[in-house]
Amino acid sequence: MTEHHATAHLSSVQLQSLRQDLQQQLEQRRRHLDGLRVQERDGSGADDTWQELVVSITAAERAVAELSQAYDRLVAGTYGRCAGCQAAIPFERLKVRPLARNCIDCQRRHEAA
């Protein structure tokens, strides 16, 4: 699928806005993850906060991975298309949920299953 076909429903201004949002979120999440790893390195691991830290690191790693994948899709030109039906995902949905991989209808079907 070419970038033009995949993202034709998004203007260059919309794509730039989404790109900036994803980059900003990715940068923030990476900084957060780096901070958590410093805590992990400096911690004793002797109490319940250690488990909480490990859970936080896992969640932060997942968030970074999801944002990186979304950014990669944007660069590849496949961002903004539903993974289920290939319909265009509206800019308004992507702006609110930049990690959205499904249109509203497919997402509802997925959640109902």
C-alpha atoms as a PDB file:
ATOM      1  CA  MET A   1       0.000   0.000   0.000  1.00  0.00           C
ATOM      2  CA  THR A   2       1.477   3.325  -0.933  1.00  0.00           C
ATOM      3  CA  GLU A   3       1.625   6.234   1.474  1.00  0.00           C
ATOM      4  CA  HIS A   4      -0.688   8.295  -0.719  1.00  0.00           C
ATOM      5  CA  HIS A   5      -3.360   5.588  -0.771  1.00  0.00           C
ATOM      6  CA  ALA A   6      -3.095   4.816   2.947  1.00  0.00           C
ATOM      7  CA  THR A   7      -3.118   8.386   4.189  1.00  0.00           C
ATOM      8  CA  ALA A   8      -5.036  10.145   1.395  1.00  0.00           C
ATOM      9  CA  HIS A   9      -7.856  10.946   3.815  1.00  0.00           C
ATOM     10  CA  LEU A  10      -5.418  12.960   5.973  1.00  0.00           C
ATOM     11  CA  SER A  11      -4.093  16.345   4.890  1.00  0.00           C
ATOM     12  CA  SER A  12      -0.402  17.161   5.169  1.00  0.00           C
ATOM     13  CA  VAL A  13      -1.240  19.491   8.082  1.00  0.00           C
ATOM     14  CA  GLN A  14      -3.128  16.687   9.853  1.00  0.00           C
ATOM     15  CA  LEU A  15      -0.285  14.233   9.241  1.00  0.00           C
ATOM     16  CA  GLN A  16       2.242  16.741  10.592  1.00  0.00           C
ATOM     17  CA  SER A  17       0.094  17.315  13.686  1.00  0.00           C
ATOM     18  CA  LEU A  18      -0.194  13.578  14.316  1.00  0.00           C
ATOM     19  CA  ARG A  19       3.545  13.096  13.708  1.00  0.00           C
ATOM     20  CA  GLN A  20       4.370  15.815  16.248  1.00  0.00           C
ATOM     21  CA  ASP A  21       1.940  14.346  18.796  1.00  0.00           C
ATOM     22  CA  LEU A  22       3.417  10.866  18.422  1.00  0.00           C
ATOM     23  CA  GLN A  23       6.994  12.153  18.636  1.00  0.00           C
ATOM     24  CA  GLN A  24       6.185  14.199  21.738  1.00  0.00           C
ATOM     25  CA  GLN A  25       4.418  11.306  23.481  1.00  0.00           C
ATOM     26  CA  LEU A  26       7.216   8.919  22.541  1.00  0.00           C
ATOM     27  CA  GLU A  27       9.848  11.294  23.908  1.00  0.00           C
ATOM     28  CA  GLN A  28       7.911  11.738  27.174  1.00  0.00           C
ATOM     29  CA  ARG A  29       7.401   7.988  27.606  1.00  0.00           C
ATOM     30  CA  ARG A  30      11.076   7.257  26.894  1.00  0.00           C
ATOM     31  CA  ARG A  31      12.146   9.816  29.505  1.00  0.00           C
ATOM     32  CA  HIS A  32       9.723   8.275  32.000  1.00  0.00           C
ATOM     33  CA  LEU A  33      11.044   4.786  31.230  1.00  0.00           C
ATOM     34  CA  ASP A  34      14.636   5.992  31.637  1.00  0.00           C
ATOM     35  CA  GLY A  35      13.720   7.419  35.059  1.00  0.00           C
ATOM     36  CA  LEU A  36      12.120   4.147  36.102  1.00  0.00           C
ATOM     37  CA  ARG A  37      15.215   2.216  35.019  1.00  0.00           C
ATOM     38  CA  VAL A  38      17.395   4.524  37.119  1.00  0.00           C
ATOM     39  CA  GLN A  39      15.149   3.781  40.109  1.00  0.00           C
ATOM     40  CA  GLU A  40      15.429   0.076  39.347  1.00  0.00           C
ATOM     41  CA  ARG A  41      19.218   0.272  39.162  1.00  0.00           C
ATOM     42  CA  ASP A  42      19.466   2.273  42.399  1.00  0.00           C
ATOM     43  CA  GLY A  43      16.834   0.315  44.358  1.00  0.00           C
ATOM     44  CA  SER A  44      17.380  -2.416  46.880  1.00  0.00           C
ATOM     45  CA  GLY A  45      14.452  -4.575  45.740  1.00  0.00           C
ATOM     46  CA  ALA A  46      13.613  -5.375  49.347  1.00  0.00           C
ATOM     47  CA  ASP A  47       9.966  -4.314  49.557  1.00  0.00           C
ATOM     48  CA  ASP A  48       6.625  -4.090  47.755  1.00  0.00           C
ATOM     49  CA  THR A  49       7.668  -0.927  45.922  1.00  0.00           C
ATOM     50  CA  TRP A  50      10.092  -3.086  43.916  1.00  0.00           C
ATOM     51  CA  GLN A  51       7.186  -5.069  42.439  1.00  0.00           C
ATOM     52  CA  GLU A  52       5.343  -1.850  41.673  1.00  0.00           C
ATOM     53  CA  LEU A  53       8.460  -0.538  39.956  1.00  0.00           C
ATOM     54  CA  VAL A  54       8.772  -3.668  37.814  1.00  0.00           C
ATOM     55  CA  VAL A  55       5.089  -3.388  36.821  1.00  0.00           C
ATOM     56  CA  SER A  56       5.598   0.306  35.971  1.00  0.00           C
ATOM     57  CA  ILE A  57       8.654  -0.493  33.854  1.00  0.00           C
ATOM     58  CA  THR A  58       6.743  -3.196  31.968  1.00  0.00           C
ATOM     59  CA  ALA A  59       3.840  -0.806  31.290  1.00  0.00           C
ATOM     60  CA  ALA A  60       6.224   1.958  30.196  1.00  0.00           C
ATOM     61  CA  GLU A  61       8.063  -0.426  27.849  1.00  0.00           C
ATOM     62  CA  ARG A  62       4.748  -1.465  26.305  1.00  0.00           C
ATOM     63  CA  ALA A  63       3.702   2.185  25.854  1.00  0.00           C
ATOM     64  CA  VAL A  64       7.022   3.026  24.168  1.00  0.00           C
ATOM     65  CA  ALA A  65       6.663  -0.001  21.873  1.00  0.00           C
ATOM     66  CA  GLU A  66       3.078   0.914  20.907  1.00  0.00           C
ATOM     67  CA  LEU A  67       4.003   4.533  20.214  1.00  0.00           C
ATOM     68  CA  SER A  68       7.064   3.446  18.208  1.00  0.00           C
ATOM     69  CA  GLN A  69       4.905   1.105  16.120  1.00  0.00           C
ATOM     70  CA  ALA A  70       2.351   3.868  15.487  1.00  0.00           C
ATOM     71  CA  TYR A  71       5.124   6.252  14.464  1.00  0.00           C
ATOM     72  CA  ASP A  72       6.621   3.600  12.175  1.00  0.00           C
ATOM     73  CA  ARG A  73       3.193   3.112  10.553  1.00  0.00           C
ATOM     74  CA  LEU A  74       2.940   6.871  10.046  1.00  0.00           C
ATOM     75  CA  VAL A  75       6.370   6.977   8.390  1.00  0.00           C
ATOM     76  CA  ALA A  76       5.506   3.922   6.264  1.00  0.00           C
ATOM     77  CA  GLY A  77       2.221   5.492   5.184  1.00  0.00           C
ATOM     78  CA  THR A  78      -0.022   2.837   6.720  1.00  0.00           C
ATOM     79  CA  TYR A  79      -1.096   4.900   9.727  1.00  0.00           C
ATOM     80  CA  GLY A  80      -4.742   5.917   9.877  1.00  0.00           C
ATOM     81  CA  ARG A  81      -6.210   2.817   8.217  1.00  0.00           C
ATOM     82  CA  CYS A  82      -8.299   0.316  10.145  1.00  0.00           C
ATOM     83  CA  ALA A  83      -6.472  -2.964  10.741  1.00  0.00           C
ATOM     84  CA  GLY A  84      -9.802  -4.783  10.407  1.00  0.00           C
ATOM     85  CA  CYS A  85     -11.497  -3.338   7.342  1.00  0.00           C
ATOM     86  CA  GLN A  86      -8.885  -0.919   5.897  1.00  0.00           C
ATOM     87  CA  ALA A  87     -11.338   1.995   6.167  1.00  0.00           C
ATOM     88  CA  ALA A  88      -9.928   5.430   6.872  1.00  0.00           C
ATOM     89  CA  ILE A  89      -9.793   6.264  10.574  1.00  0.00           C
ATOM     90  CA  PRO A  90     -10.977   9.874  10.954  1.00  0.00           C
ATOM     91  CA  PHE A  91      -8.430  12.477  12.005  1.00  0.00           C
ATOM     92  CA  GLU A  92     -10.568  13.368  15.034  1.00  0.00           C
ATOM     93  CA  ARG A  93     -10.308   9.789  16.348  1.00  0.00           C
ATOM     94  CA  LEU A  94      -6.562   9.665  15.704  1.00  0.00           C
ATOM     95  CA  LYS A  95      -6.079  13.020  17.432  1.00  0.00           C
ATOM     96  CA  VAL A  96      -7.855  11.738  20.561  1.00  0.00           C
ATOM     97  CA  ARG A  97      -6.483   8.182  20.340  1.00  0.00           C
ATOM     98  CA  PRO A  98      -3.249   8.297  18.347  1.00  0.00           C
ATOM     99  CA  LEU A  99      -2.691   4.578  18.913  1.00  0.00           C
ATOM    100  CA  ALA A 100      -6.066   3.657  17.380  1.00  0.00           C
ATOM    101  CA  ARG A 101      -5.651   0.764  14.977  1.00  0.00           C
ATOM    102  CA  ASN A 102      -9.339   0.235  14.276  1.00  0.00           C
ATOM    103  CA  CYS A 103     -12.258   2.293  13.087  1.00  0.00           C
ATOM    104  CA  ILE A 104     -15.081   2.748  15.599  1.00  0.00           C
ATOM    105  CA  ASP A 105     -17.183  -0.098  14.110  1.00  0.00           C
ATOM    106  CA  CYS A 106     -14.336  -2.633  14.123  1.00  0.00           C
ATOM    107  CA  GLN A 107     -13.273  -1.531  17.605  1.00  0.00           C
ATOM    108  CA  ARG A 108     -16.808  -2.082  18.910  1.00  0.00           C
ATOM    109  CA  ARG A 109     -16.913  -5.531  17.319  1.00  0.00           C
ATOM    110  CA  HIS A 110     -13.515  -6.347  18.831  1.00  0.00           C
ATOM    111  CA  GLU A 111     -14.593  -5.232  22.316  1.00  0.00           C
ATOM    112  CA  ALA A 112     -17.880  -7.149  22.075  1.00  0.00           C
ATOM    113  CA  ALA A 113     -16.115 -10.409  21.139  1.00  0.00           C
END
